[in-house]
Amino acid sequence: ADSVKGRFRISMDNARNTVYLQMNSLKPEDTAVYFCHANLE
């Protein structure tokens, strides 16, 4: 999303079926409930 570019970084460990979201330079506007989503077989 444009609002998080340069501050957040998403990565995936394919072997462990795990996704990460590194959130830096956080702002009060980032306050929210964060939901993980997967599209898979």
Full PDB file with SEQRES, HELIX, SHEET, SSBOND, CRYST1, ORIGX, SCALE, CONECT and MASTER records, all heavy atoms in Angstrom:
SEQRES   1 A   41  ALA ASP SER VAL LYS GLY ARG PHE ARG ILE SER MET ASP          
SEQRES   2 A   41  ASN ALA ARG ASN THR VAL TYR LEU GLN MET ASN SER LEU          
SEQRES   3 A   41  LYS PRO GLU ASP THR ALA VAL TYR PHE CYS HIS ALA ASN          
SEQRES   4 A   41  LEU GLU                                                      
HELIX    1 AA1 ASP A    2  VAL A    4  5                                   3    
HELIX    2 AA2 ASN A   14  ARG A   16  5                                   3    
HELIX    3 AA3 PRO A   28  ASP A   30  5                                   3    
SHEET    1 AA1 2 PHE A   8  ASP A  13  0                                        
SHEET    2 AA1 2 THR A  18  MET A  23 -1                                        
CRYST1    1.000    1.000    1.000  90.00  90.00  90.00 P 1           1          
ORIGX1      1.000000  0.000000  0.000000        0.00000                         
ORIGX2      0.000000  1.000000  0.000000        0.00000                         
ORIGX3      0.000000  0.000000  1.000000        0.00000                         
SCALE1      1.000000  0.000000  0.000000        0.00000                         
SCALE2      0.000000  1.000000  0.000000        0.00000                         
SCALE3      0.000000  0.000000  1.000000        0.00000                         
ATOM      1  N   ALA A   1       0.840  -1.176   0.000  1.00  0.00           N  
ATOM      2  CA  ALA A   1       0.000   0.000   0.000  1.00  0.00           C  
ATOM      3  C   ALA A   1       0.886   1.240   0.000  1.00  0.00           C  
ATOM      4  O   ALA A   1       1.965   1.243   0.592  1.00  0.00           O  
ATOM      5  CB  ALA A   1      -0.913   0.013   1.222  1.00  0.00           C  
ATOM      6  N   ASP A   2       0.434   2.291  -0.670  1.00  0.00           N  
ATOM      7  CA  ASP A   2       1.234   3.510  -0.751  1.00  0.00           C  
ATOM      8  C   ASP A   2       1.591   4.062   0.626  1.00  0.00           C  
ATOM      9  O   ASP A   2       2.682   4.609   0.824  1.00  0.00           O  
ATOM     10  CB  ASP A   2       0.491   4.581  -1.551  1.00  0.00           C  
ATOM     11  CG  ASP A   2       0.433   4.271  -3.036  1.00  0.00           C  
ATOM     12  OD1 ASP A   2       1.249   3.462  -3.515  1.00  0.00           O  
ATOM     13  OD2 ASP A   2      -0.433   4.849  -3.725  1.00  0.00           O  
ATOM     14  N   SER A   3       0.702   3.911   1.577  1.00  0.00           N  
ATOM     15  CA  SER A   3       0.898   4.481   2.900  1.00  0.00           C  
ATOM     16  C   SER A   3       2.013   3.820   3.703  1.00  0.00           C  
ATOM     17  O   SER A   3       2.471   4.384   4.698  1.00  0.00           O  
ATOM     18  CB  SER A   3      -0.401   4.419   3.700  1.00  0.00           C  
ATOM     19  OG  SER A   3      -0.840   3.085   3.847  1.00  0.00           O  
ATOM     20  N   VAL A   4       2.460   2.645   3.278  1.00  0.00           N  
ATOM     21  CA  VAL A   4       3.482   1.933   4.038  1.00  0.00           C  
ATOM     22  C   VAL A   4       4.765   1.715   3.259  1.00  0.00           C  
ATOM     23  O   VAL A   4       5.735   1.180   3.811  1.00  0.00           O  
ATOM     24  CB  VAL A   4       2.966   0.575   4.554  1.00  0.00           C  
ATOM     25  CG1 VAL A   4       1.673   0.758   5.332  1.00  0.00           C  
ATOM     26  CG2 VAL A   4       2.776  -0.411   3.401  1.00  0.00           C  
ATOM     27  N   LYS A   5       4.798   2.126   2.014  1.00  0.00           N  
ATOM     28  CA  LYS A   5       5.995   1.949   1.198  1.00  0.00           C  
ATOM     29  C   LYS A   5       7.191   2.643   1.835  1.00  0.00           C  
ATOM     30  O   LYS A   5       7.106   3.785   2.271  1.00  0.00           O  
ATOM     31  CB  LYS A   5       5.769   2.497  -0.208  1.00  0.00           C  
ATOM     32  CG  LYS A   5       4.873   1.637  -1.076  1.00  0.00           C  
ATOM     33  CD  LYS A   5       4.714   2.232  -2.467  1.00  0.00           C  
ATOM     34  CE  LYS A   5       3.843   1.363  -3.344  1.00  0.00           C  
ATOM     35  NZ  LYS A   5       3.635   1.953  -4.688  1.00  0.00           N  
ATOM     36  N   GLY A   6       8.291   1.926   1.887  1.00  0.00           N  
ATOM     37  CA  GLY A   6       9.499   2.466   2.479  1.00  0.00           C  
ATOM     38  C   GLY A   6       9.598   2.253   3.970  1.00  0.00           C  
ATOM     39  O   GLY A   6      10.677   2.419   4.543  1.00  0.00           O  
ATOM     40  N   ARG A   7       8.489   1.899   4.617  1.00  0.00           N  
ATOM     41  CA  ARG A   7       8.485   1.695   6.061  1.00  0.00           C  
ATOM     42  C   ARG A   7       8.264   0.230   6.442  1.00  0.00           C  
ATOM     43  O   ARG A   7       8.837  -0.241   7.423  1.00  0.00           O  
ATOM     44  CB  ARG A   7       7.407   2.546   6.731  1.00  0.00           C  
ATOM     45  CG  ARG A   7       7.588   4.045   6.518  1.00  0.00           C  
ATOM     46  CD  ARG A   7       6.614   4.841   7.374  1.00  0.00           C  
ATOM     47  NE  ARG A   7       5.226   4.578   7.011  1.00  0.00           N  
ATOM     48  CZ  ARG A   7       4.318   4.080   7.848  1.00  0.00           C  
ATOM     49  NH1 ARG A   7       4.649   3.789   9.098  1.00  0.00           N  
ATOM     50  NH2 ARG A   7       3.070   3.889   7.439  1.00  0.00           N  
ATOM     51  N   PHE A   8       7.432  -0.455   5.680  1.00  0.00           N  
ATOM     52  CA  PHE A   8       7.122  -1.855   5.952  1.00  0.00           C  
ATOM     53  C   PHE A   8       7.814  -2.743   4.923  1.00  0.00           C  
ATOM     54  O   PHE A   8       8.018  -2.344   3.768  1.00  0.00           O  
ATOM     55  CB  PHE A   8       5.618  -2.117   5.870  1.00  0.00           C  
ATOM     56  CG  PHE A   8       4.798  -1.469   6.954  1.00  0.00           C  
ATOM     57  CD1 PHE A   8       5.342  -0.525   7.810  1.00  0.00           C  
ATOM     58  CD2 PHE A   8       3.469  -1.818   7.104  1.00  0.00           C  
ATOM     59  CE1 PHE A   8       4.577   0.065   8.797  1.00  0.00           C  
ATOM     60  CE2 PHE A   8       2.693  -1.239   8.085  1.00  0.00           C  
ATOM     61  CZ  PHE A   8       3.248  -0.295   8.932  1.00  0.00           C  
ATOM     62  N   ARG A   9       8.139  -3.952   5.343  1.00  0.00           N  
ATOM     63  CA  ARG A   9       8.724  -4.910   4.431  1.00  0.00           C  
ATOM     64  C   ARG A   9       8.134  -6.284   4.687  1.00  0.00           C  
ATOM     65  O   ARG A   9       8.155  -6.769   5.819  1.00  0.00           O  
ATOM     66  CB  ARG A   9      10.246  -4.956   4.566  1.00  0.00           C  
ATOM     67  CG  ARG A   9      10.932  -5.828   3.523  1.00  0.00           C  
ATOM     68  CD  ARG A   9      12.446  -5.698   3.603  1.00  0.00           C  
ATOM     69  NE  ARG A   9      13.114  -6.387   2.515  1.00  0.00           N  
ATOM     70  CZ  ARG A   9      13.468  -7.670   2.550  1.00  0.00           C  
ATOM     71  NH1 ARG A   9      13.227  -8.401   3.626  1.00  0.00           N  
ATOM     72  NH2 ARG A   9      14.083  -8.217   1.506  1.00  0.00           N  
ATOM     73  N   ILE A  10       7.633  -6.907   3.630  1.00  0.00           N  
ATOM     74  CA  ILE A  10       7.049  -8.232   3.743  1.00  0.00           C  
ATOM     75  C   ILE A  10       8.030  -9.253   3.197  1.00  0.00           C  
ATOM     76  O   ILE A  10       8.744  -8.998   2.226  1.00  0.00           O  
ATOM     77  CB  ILE A  10       5.697  -8.316   2.998  1.00  0.00           C  
ATOM     78  CG1 ILE A  10       4.986  -9.636   3.315  1.00  0.00           C  
ATOM     79  CG2 ILE A  10       5.876  -8.140   1.493  1.00  0.00           C  
ATOM     80  CD1 ILE A  10       3.537  -9.676   2.821  1.00  0.00           C  
ATOM     81  N   SER A  11       8.080 -10.410   3.829  1.00  0.00           N  
ATOM     82  CA  SER A  11       8.956 -11.478   3.380  1.00  0.00           C  
ATOM     83  C   SER A  11       8.289 -12.815   3.653  1.00  0.00           C  
ATOM     84  O   SER A  11       7.339 -12.904   4.440  1.00  0.00           O  
ATOM     85  CB  SER A  11      10.319 -11.408   4.070  1.00  0.00           C  
ATOM     86  OG  SER A  11      10.189 -11.531   5.473  1.00  0.00           O  
ATOM     87  N   MET A  12       8.780 -13.861   3.007  1.00  0.00           N  
ATOM     88  CA  MET A  12       8.196 -15.181   3.160  1.00  0.00           C  
ATOM     89  C   MET A  12       9.271 -16.236   3.275  1.00  0.00           C  
ATOM     90  O   MET A  12      10.266 -16.204   2.552  1.00  0.00           O  
ATOM     91  CB  MET A  12       7.279 -15.505   1.974  1.00  0.00           C  
ATOM     92  CG  MET A  12       6.614 -16.873   2.050  1.00  0.00           C  
ATOM     93  SD  MET A  12       5.727 -17.307   0.527  1.00  0.00           S  
ATOM     94  CE  MET A  12       4.447 -16.049   0.523  1.00  0.00           C  
ATOM     95  N   ASP A  13       9.061 -17.167   4.180  1.00  0.00           N  
ATOM     96  CA  ASP A  13       9.878 -18.355   4.301  1.00  0.00           C  
ATOM     97  C   ASP A  13       9.061 -19.487   3.694  1.00  0.00           C  
ATOM     98  O   ASP A  13       8.167 -20.037   4.344  1.00  0.00           O  
ATOM     99  CB  ASP A  13      10.223 -18.642   5.758  1.00  0.00           C  
ATOM    100  CG  ASP A  13      11.164 -19.818   5.922  1.00  0.00           C  
ATOM    101  OD1 ASP A  13      11.236 -20.673   5.014  1.00  0.00           O  
ATOM    102  OD2 ASP A  13      11.833 -19.901   6.969  1.00  0.00           O  
ATOM    103  N   ASN A  14       9.341 -19.815   2.454  1.00  0.00           N  
ATOM    104  CA  ASN A  14       8.553 -20.817   1.742  1.00  0.00           C  
ATOM    105  C   ASN A  14       8.608 -22.193   2.408  1.00  0.00           C  
ATOM    106  O   ASN A  14       7.615 -22.917   2.421  1.00  0.00           O  
ATOM    107  CB  ASN A  14       9.026 -20.923   0.298  1.00  0.00           C  
ATOM    108  CG  ASN A  14       8.720 -19.689  -0.517  1.00  0.00           C  
ATOM    109  OD1 ASN A  14       7.562 -19.323  -0.707  1.00  0.00           O  
ATOM    110  ND2 ASN A  14       9.761 -19.030  -1.004  1.00  0.00           N  
ATOM    111  N   ALA A  15       9.764 -22.547   2.939  1.00  0.00           N  
ATOM    112  CA  ALA A  15       9.920 -23.857   3.560  1.00  0.00           C  
ATOM    113  C   ALA A  15       9.052 -24.010   4.801  1.00  0.00           C  
ATOM    114  O   ALA A  15       8.635 -25.118   5.139  1.00  0.00           O  
ATOM    115  CB  ALA A  15      11.387 -24.109   3.899  1.00  0.00           C  
ATOM    116  N   ARG A  16       8.787 -22.907   5.487  1.00  0.00           N  
ATOM    117  CA  ARG A  16       8.009 -22.945   6.718  1.00  0.00           C  
ATOM    118  C   ARG A  16       6.592 -22.410   6.549  1.00  0.00           C  
ATOM    119  O   ARG A  16       5.854 -22.313   7.532  1.00  0.00           O  
ATOM    120  CB  ARG A  16       8.729 -22.161   7.811  1.00  0.00           C  
ATOM    121  CG  ARG A  16      10.122 -22.690   8.126  1.00  0.00           C  
ATOM    122  CD  ARG A  16      10.787 -21.882   9.221  1.00  0.00           C  
ATOM    123  NE  ARG A  16      12.166 -22.317   9.436  1.00  0.00           N  
ATOM    124  CZ  ARG A  16      12.528 -23.333  10.192  1.00  0.00           C  
ATOM    125  NH1 ARG A  16      11.607 -24.056  10.817  1.00  0.00           N  
ATOM    126  NH2 ARG A  16      13.806 -23.651  10.317  1.00  0.00           N  
ATOM    127  N   ASN A  17       6.228 -22.064   5.318  1.00  0.00           N  
ATOM    128  CA  ASN A  17       4.896 -21.512   5.046  1.00  0.00           C  
ATOM    129  C   ASN A  17       4.578 -20.349   5.983  1.00  0.00           C  
ATOM    130  O   ASN A  17       3.487 -20.265   6.556  1.00  0.00           O  
ATOM    131  CB  ASN A  17       3.826 -22.595   5.168  1.00  0.00           C  
ATOM    132  CG  ASN A  17       3.973 -23.675   4.118  1.00  0.00           C  
ATOM    133  OD1 ASN A  17       4.437 -23.421   3.012  1.00  0.00           O  
ATOM    134  ND2 ASN A  17       3.554 -24.889   4.453  1.00  0.00           N  
ATOM    135  N   THR A  18       5.545 -19.473   6.116  1.00  0.00           N  
ATOM    136  CA  THR A  18       5.423 -18.365   7.047  1.00  0.00           C  
ATOM    137  C   THR A  18       5.694 -17.040   6.349  1.00  0.00           C  
ATOM    138  O   THR A  18       6.637 -16.929   5.566  1.00  0.00           O  
ATOM    139  CB  THR A  18       6.396 -18.532   8.220  1.00  0.00           C  
ATOM    140  OG1 THR A  18       6.103 -19.754   8.909  1.00  0.00           O  
ATOM    141  CG2 THR A  18       6.270 -17.377   9.198  1.00  0.00           C  
ATOM    142  N   VAL A  19       4.868 -16.058   6.649  1.00  0.00           N  
ATOM    143  CA  VAL A  19       5.050 -14.720   6.120  1.00  0.00           C  
ATOM    144  C   VAL A  19       5.329 -13.771   7.282  1.00  0.00           C  
ATOM    145  O   VAL A  19       4.808 -13.946   8.383  1.00  0.00           O  
ATOM    146  CB  VAL A  19       3.819 -14.253   5.314  1.00  0.00           C  
ATOM    147  CG1 VAL A  19       2.593 -14.107   6.210  1.00  0.00           C  
ATOM    148  CG2 VAL A  19       4.113 -12.950   4.584  1.00  0.00           C  
ATOM    149  N   TYR A  20       6.162 -12.770   7.022  1.00  0.00           N  
ATOM    150  CA  TYR A  20       6.529 -11.794   8.029  1.00  0.00           C  
ATOM    151  C   TYR A  20       6.224 -10.388   7.523  1.00  0.00           C  
ATOM    152  O   TYR A  20       6.262 -10.121   6.327  1.00  0.00           O  
ATOM    153  CB  TYR A  20       8.019 -11.876   8.365  1.00  0.00           C  
ATOM    154  CG  TYR A  20       8.480 -13.253   8.768  1.00  0.00           C  
ATOM    155  CD1 TYR A  20       8.993 -14.139   7.824  1.00  0.00           C  
ATOM    156  CD2 TYR A  20       8.407 -13.671  10.092  1.00  0.00           C  
ATOM    157  CE1 TYR A  20       9.417 -15.404   8.193  1.00  0.00           C  
ATOM    158  CE2 TYR A  20       8.835 -14.932  10.465  1.00  0.00           C  
ATOM    159  CZ  TYR A  20       9.338 -15.792   9.516  1.00  0.00           C  
ATOM    160  OH  TYR A  20       9.758 -17.045   9.890  1.00  0.00           O  
ATOM    161  N   LEU A  21       5.941  -9.512   8.449  1.00  0.00           N  
ATOM    162  CA  LEU A  21       5.776  -8.109   8.122  1.00  0.00           C  
ATOM    163  C   LEU A  21       6.593  -7.293   9.112  1.00  0.00           C  
ATOM    164  O   LEU A  21       6.235  -7.189  10.282  1.00  0.00           O  
ATOM    165  CB  LEU A  21       4.306  -7.685   8.181  1.00  0.00           C  
ATOM    166  CG  LEU A  21       4.028  -6.251   7.734  1.00  0.00           C  
ATOM    167  CD1 LEU A  21       4.318  -6.085   6.242  1.00  0.00           C  
ATOM    168  CD2 LEU A  21       2.580  -5.853   8.041  1.00  0.00           C  
ATOM    169  N   GLN A  22       7.693  -6.754   8.624  1.00  0.00           N  
ATOM    170  CA  GLN A  22       8.530  -5.882   9.433  1.00  0.00           C  
ATOM    171  C   GLN A  22       8.011  -4.462   9.287  1.00  0.00           C  
ATOM    172  O   GLN A  22       8.014  -3.912   8.183  1.00  0.00           O  
ATOM    173  CB  GLN A  22       9.990  -5.968   8.985  1.00  0.00           C  
ATOM    174  CG  GLN A  22      10.939  -5.082   9.776  1.00  0.00           C  
ATOM    175  CD  GLN A  22      11.067  -5.506  11.216  1.00  0.00           C  
ATOM    176  OE1 GLN A  22      11.217  -6.685  11.490  1.00  0.00           O  
ATOM    177  NE2 GLN A  22      11.009  -4.551  12.134  1.00  0.00           N  
ATOM    178  N   MET A  23       7.565  -3.877  10.371  1.00  0.00           N  
ATOM    179  CA  MET A  23       6.979  -2.548  10.360  1.00  0.00           C  
ATOM    180  C   MET A  23       7.898  -1.593  11.108  1.00  0.00           C  
ATOM    181  O   MET A  23       8.080  -1.710  12.325  1.00  0.00           O  
ATOM    182  CB  MET A  23       5.582  -2.565  10.988  1.00  0.00           C  
ATOM    183  CG  MET A  23       4.632  -3.562  10.330  1.00  0.00           C  
ATOM    184  SD  MET A  23       2.919  -3.391  10.900  1.00  0.00           S  
ATOM    185  CE  MET A  23       3.087  -3.955  12.594  1.00  0.00           C  
ATOM    186  N   ASN A  24       8.461  -0.654  10.380  1.00  0.00           N  
ATOM    187  CA  ASN A  24       9.368   0.327  10.947  1.00  0.00           C  
ATOM    188  C   ASN A  24       8.782   1.727  10.834  1.00  0.00           C  
ATOM    189  O   ASN A  24       7.835   1.966  10.088  1.00  0.00           O  
ATOM    190  CB  ASN A  24      10.724   0.285  10.237  1.00  0.00           C  
ATOM    191  CG  ASN A  24      11.421  -1.048  10.366  1.00  0.00           C  
ATOM    192  OD1 ASN A  24      11.378  -1.689  11.413  1.00  0.00           O  
ATOM    193  ND2 ASN A  24      12.091  -1.470   9.290  1.00  0.00           N  
ATOM    194  N   SER A  25       9.367   2.649  11.575  1.00  0.00           N  
ATOM    195  CA  SER A  25       8.933   4.045  11.548  1.00  0.00           C  
ATOM    196  C   SER A  25       7.422   4.155  11.720  1.00  0.00           C  
ATOM    197  O   SER A  25       6.740   4.870  10.987  1.00  0.00           O  
ATOM    198  CB  SER A  25       9.373   4.709  10.240  1.00  0.00           C  
ATOM    199  OG  SER A  25      10.776   4.649  10.079  1.00  0.00           O  
ATOM    200  N   LEU A  26       6.916   3.462  12.701  1.00  0.00           N  
ATOM    201  CA  LEU A  26       5.471   3.375  12.889  1.00  0.00           C  
ATOM    202  C   LEU A  26       4.868   4.712  13.296  1.00  0.00           C  
ATOM    203  O   LEU A  26       5.473   5.491  14.031  1.00  0.00           O  
ATOM    204  CB  LEU A  26       5.137   2.307  13.914  1.00  0.00           C  
ATOM    205  CG  LEU A  26       5.269   0.875  13.393  1.00  0.00           C  
ATOM    206  CD1 LEU A  26       5.319  -0.116  14.552  1.00  0.00           C  
ATOM    207  CD2 LEU A  26       4.116   0.544  12.455  1.00  0.00           C  
ATOM    208  N   LYS A  27       3.668   4.937  12.810  1.00  0.00           N  
ATOM    209  CA  LYS A  27       2.909   6.143  13.086  1.00  0.00           C  
ATOM    210  C   LYS A  27       1.610   5.778  13.790  1.00  0.00           C  
ATOM    211  O   LYS A  27       1.123   4.652  13.665  1.00  0.00           O  
ATOM    212  CB  LYS A  27       2.584   6.874  11.776  1.00  0.00           C  
ATOM    213  CG  LYS A  27       3.784   7.176  10.894  1.00  0.00           C  
ATOM    214  CD  LYS A  27       3.342   7.764   9.565  1.00  0.00           C  
ATOM    215  CE  LYS A  27       4.525   8.048   8.666  1.00  0.00           C  
ATOM    216  NZ  LYS A  27       4.098   8.601   7.347  1.00  0.00           N  
ATOM    217  N   PRO A  28       1.020   6.714  14.524  1.00  0.00           N  
ATOM    218  CA  PRO A  28      -0.274   6.423  15.156  1.00  0.00           C  
ATOM    219  C   PRO A  28      -1.324   5.949  14.151  1.00  0.00           C  
ATOM    220  O   PRO A  28      -2.184   5.136  14.509  1.00  0.00           O  
ATOM    221  CB  PRO A  28      -0.667   7.768  15.773  1.00  0.00           C  
ATOM    222  CG  PRO A  28       0.642   8.419  16.078  1.00  0.00           C  
ATOM    223  CD  PRO A  28       1.543   8.019  14.937  1.00  0.00           C  
ATOM    224  N   GLU A  29      -1.241   6.428  12.926  1.00  0.00           N  
ATOM    225  CA  GLU A  29      -2.181   6.027  11.892  1.00  0.00           C  
ATOM    226  C   GLU A  29      -2.064   4.549  11.526  1.00  0.00           C  
ATOM    227  O   GLU A  29      -2.957   4.002  10.868  1.00  0.00           O  
ATOM    228  CB  GLU A  29      -1.990   6.869  10.622  1.00  0.00           C  
ATOM    229  CG  GLU A  29      -2.019   8.372  10.858  1.00  0.00           C  
ATOM    230  CD  GLU A  29      -0.641   8.939  11.112  1.00  0.00           C  
ATOM    231  OE1 GLU A  29       0.038   9.317  10.137  1.00  0.00           O  
ATOM    232  OE2 GLU A  29      -0.241   9.012  12.295  1.00  0.00           O  
ATOM    233  N   ASP A  30      -0.979   3.910  11.920  1.00  0.00           N  
ATOM    234  CA  ASP A  30      -0.802   2.486  11.653  1.00  0.00           C  
ATOM    235  C   ASP A  30      -1.540   1.611  12.657  1.00  0.00           C  
ATOM    236  O   ASP A  30      -1.592   0.391  12.491  1.00  0.00           O  
ATOM    237  CB  ASP A  30       0.686   2.116  11.666  1.00  0.00           C  
ATOM    238  CG  ASP A  30       1.468   2.795  10.556  1.00  0.00           C  
ATOM    239  OD1 ASP A  30       0.974   2.825   9.407  1.00  0.00           O  
ATOM    240  OD2 ASP A  30       2.573   3.296  10.835  1.00  0.00           O  
ATOM    241  N   THR A  31      -2.078   2.214  13.695  1.00  0.00           N  
ATOM    242  CA  THR A  31      -2.817   1.461  14.701  1.00  0.00           C  
ATOM    243  C   THR A  31      -4.010   0.767  14.061  1.00  0.00           C  
ATOM    244  O   THR A  31      -4.858   1.411  13.440  1.00  0.00           O  
ATOM    245  CB  THR A  31      -3.292   2.373  15.828  1.00  0.00           C  
ATOM    246  OG1 THR A  31      -2.160   2.926  16.507  1.00  0.00           O  
ATOM    247  CG2 THR A  31      -4.143   1.599  16.832  1.00  0.00           C  
ATOM    248  N   ALA A  32      -4.069  -0.540  14.212  1.00  0.00           N  
ATOM    249  CA  ALA A  32      -5.126  -1.317  13.579  1.00  0.00           C  
ATOM    250  C   ALA A  32      -5.017  -2.769  14.018  1.00  0.00           C  
ATOM    251  O   ALA A  32      -4.046  -3.173  14.664  1.00  0.00           O  
ATOM    252  CB  ALA A  32      -5.018  -1.234  12.054  1.00  0.00           C  
ATOM    253  N   VAL A  33      -6.027  -3.528  13.663  1.00  0.00           N  
ATOM    254  CA  VAL A  33      -5.943  -4.972  13.768  1.00  0.00           C  
ATOM    255  C   VAL A  33      -5.389  -5.481  12.449  1.00  0.00           C  
ATOM    256  O   VAL A  33      -5.930  -5.174  11.384  1.00  0.00           O  
ATOM    257  CB  VAL A  33      -7.309  -5.619  14.055  1.00  0.00           C  
ATOM    258  CG1 VAL A  33      -7.180  -7.135  14.103  1.00  0.00           C  
ATOM    259  CG2 VAL A  33      -7.872  -5.090  15.362  1.00  0.00           C  
ATOM    260  N   TYR A  34      -4.328  -6.233  12.523  1.00  0.00           N  
ATOM    261  CA  TYR A  34      -3.678  -6.752  11.331  1.00  0.00           C  
ATOM    262  C   TYR A  34      -4.063  -8.214  11.120  1.00  0.00           C  
ATOM    263  O   TYR A  34      -3.956  -9.030  12.033  1.00  0.00           O  
ATOM    264  CB  TYR A  34      -2.157  -6.619  11.455  1.00  0.00           C  
ATOM    265  CG  TYR A  34      -1.685  -5.192  11.295  1.00  0.00           C  
ATOM    266  CD1 TYR A  34      -1.832  -4.276  12.327  1.00  0.00           C  
ATOM    267  CD2 TYR A  34      -1.114  -4.757  10.097  1.00  0.00           C  
ATOM    268  CE1 TYR A  34      -1.427  -2.961  12.174  1.00  0.00           C  
ATOM    269  CE2 TYR A  34      -0.703  -3.448   9.939  1.00  0.00           C  
ATOM    270  CZ  TYR A  34      -0.860  -2.554  10.974  1.00  0.00           C  
ATOM    271  OH  TYR A  34      -0.454  -1.244  10.821  1.00  0.00           O  
ATOM    272  N   PHE A  35      -4.507  -8.514   9.914  1.00  0.00           N  
ATOM    273  CA  PHE A  35      -4.961  -9.852   9.565  1.00  0.00           C  
ATOM    274  C   PHE A  35      -4.048 -10.477   8.527  1.00  0.00           C  
ATOM    275  O   PHE A  35      -3.727  -9.859   7.515  1.00  0.00           O  
ATOM    276  CB  PHE A  35      -6.384  -9.816   8.998  1.00  0.00           C  
ATOM    277  CG  PHE A  35      -7.426  -9.369   9.984  1.00  0.00           C  
ATOM    278  CD1 PHE A  35      -7.744  -8.029  10.124  1.00  0.00           C  
ATOM    279  CD2 PHE A  35      -8.095 -10.295  10.762  1.00  0.00           C  
ATOM    280  CE1 PHE A  35      -8.708  -7.609  11.024  1.00  0.00           C  
ATOM    281  CE2 PHE A  35      -9.065  -9.898  11.668  1.00  0.00           C  
ATOM    282  CZ  PHE A  35      -9.372  -8.551  11.796  1.00  0.00           C  
ATOM    283  N   CYS A  36      -3.679 -11.705   8.769  1.00  0.00           N  
ATOM    284  CA  CYS A  36      -2.913 -12.471   7.801  1.00  0.00           C  
ATOM    285  C   CYS A  36      -3.859 -13.127   6.802  1.00  0.00           C  
ATOM    286  O   CYS A  36      -4.951 -13.563   7.164  1.00  0.00           O  
ATOM    287  CB  CYS A  36      -2.089 -13.537   8.526  1.00  0.00           C  
ATOM    288  SG  CYS A  36      -1.101 -14.591   7.434  1.00  0.00           S  
ATOM    289  N   HIS A  37      -3.433 -13.189   5.563  1.00  0.00           N  
ATOM    290  CA  HIS A  37      -4.221 -13.818   4.512  1.00  0.00           C  
ATOM    291  C   HIS A  37      -3.336 -14.733   3.675  1.00  0.00           C  
ATOM    292  O   HIS A  37      -2.164 -14.424   3.441  1.00  0.00           O  
ATOM    293  CB  HIS A  37      -4.858 -12.760   3.612  1.00  0.00           C  
ATOM    294  CG  HIS A  37      -5.480 -13.324   2.376  1.00  0.00           C  
ATOM    295  ND1 HIS A  37      -4.820 -13.353   1.157  1.00  0.00           N  
ATOM    296  CD2 HIS A  37      -6.692 -13.903   2.167  1.00  0.00           C  
ATOM    297  CE1 HIS A  37      -5.603 -13.910   0.255  1.00  0.00           C  
ATOM    298  NE2 HIS A  37      -6.737 -14.255   0.838  1.00  0.00           N  
ATOM    299  N   ALA A  38      -3.908 -15.837   3.239  1.00  0.00           N  
ATOM    300  CA  ALA A  38      -3.183 -16.744   2.366  1.00  0.00           C  
ATOM    301  C   ALA A  38      -4.096 -17.252   1.272  1.00  0.00           C  
ATOM    302  O   ALA A  38      -5.280 -17.515   1.500  1.00  0.00           O  
ATOM    303  CB  ALA A  38      -2.602 -17.920   3.146  1.00  0.00           C  
ATOM    304  N   ASN A  39      -3.550 -17.377   0.092  1.00  0.00           N  
ATOM    305  CA  ASN A  39      -4.229 -17.989  -1.043  1.00  0.00           C  
ATOM    306  C   ASN A  39      -3.388 -19.196  -1.414  1.00  0.00           C  
ATOM    307  O   ASN A  39      -2.236 -19.048  -1.817  1.00  0.00           O  
ATOM    308  CB  ASN A  39      -4.341 -16.997  -2.196  1.00  0.00           C  
ATOM    309  CG  ASN A  39      -5.011 -17.593  -3.417  1.00  0.00           C  
ATOM    310  OD1 ASN A  39      -4.347 -17.948  -4.388  1.00  0.00           O  
ATOM    311  ND2 ASN A  39      -6.333 -17.695  -3.372  1.00  0.00           N  
ATOM    312  N   LEU A  40      -3.952 -20.396  -1.272  1.00  0.00           N  
ATOM    313  CA  LEU A  40      -3.134 -21.590  -1.403  1.00  0.00           C  
ATOM    314  C   LEU A  40      -3.919 -22.797  -1.883  1.00  0.00           C  
ATOM    315  O   LEU A  40      -5.153 -22.803  -1.907  1.00  0.00           O  
ATOM    316  CB  LEU A  40      -2.461 -21.905  -0.053  1.00  0.00           C  
ATOM    317  CG  LEU A  40      -3.354 -21.970   1.189  1.00  0.00           C  
ATOM    318  CD1 LEU A  40      -4.062 -23.312   1.288  1.00  0.00           C  
ATOM    319  CD2 LEU A  40      -2.533 -21.707   2.441  1.00  0.00           C  
ATOM    320  N   GLU A  41      -3.172 -23.819  -2.250  1.00  0.00           N  
ATOM    321  CA  GLU A  41      -3.736 -25.102  -2.621  1.00  0.00           C  
ATOM    322  C   GLU A  41      -3.726 -26.031  -1.420  1.00  0.00           C  
ATOM    323  O   GLU A  41      -2.795 -26.008  -0.616  1.00  0.00           O  
ATOM    324  CB  GLU A  41      -2.936 -25.741  -3.752  1.00  0.00           C  
ATOM    325  CG  GLU A  41      -3.041 -25.038  -5.094  1.00  0.00           C  
ATOM    326  CD  GLU A  41      -2.153 -25.680  -6.138  1.00  0.00           C  
ATOM    327  OE1 GLU A  41      -0.926 -25.440  -6.095  1.00  0.00           O  
ATOM    328  OE2 GLU A  41      -2.677 -26.436  -6.980  1.00  0.00           O  
TER     329      GLU A  41                                                      
MASTER        0    0    0    3    2    0    0    6  328    1    0    4          
END                                                                             
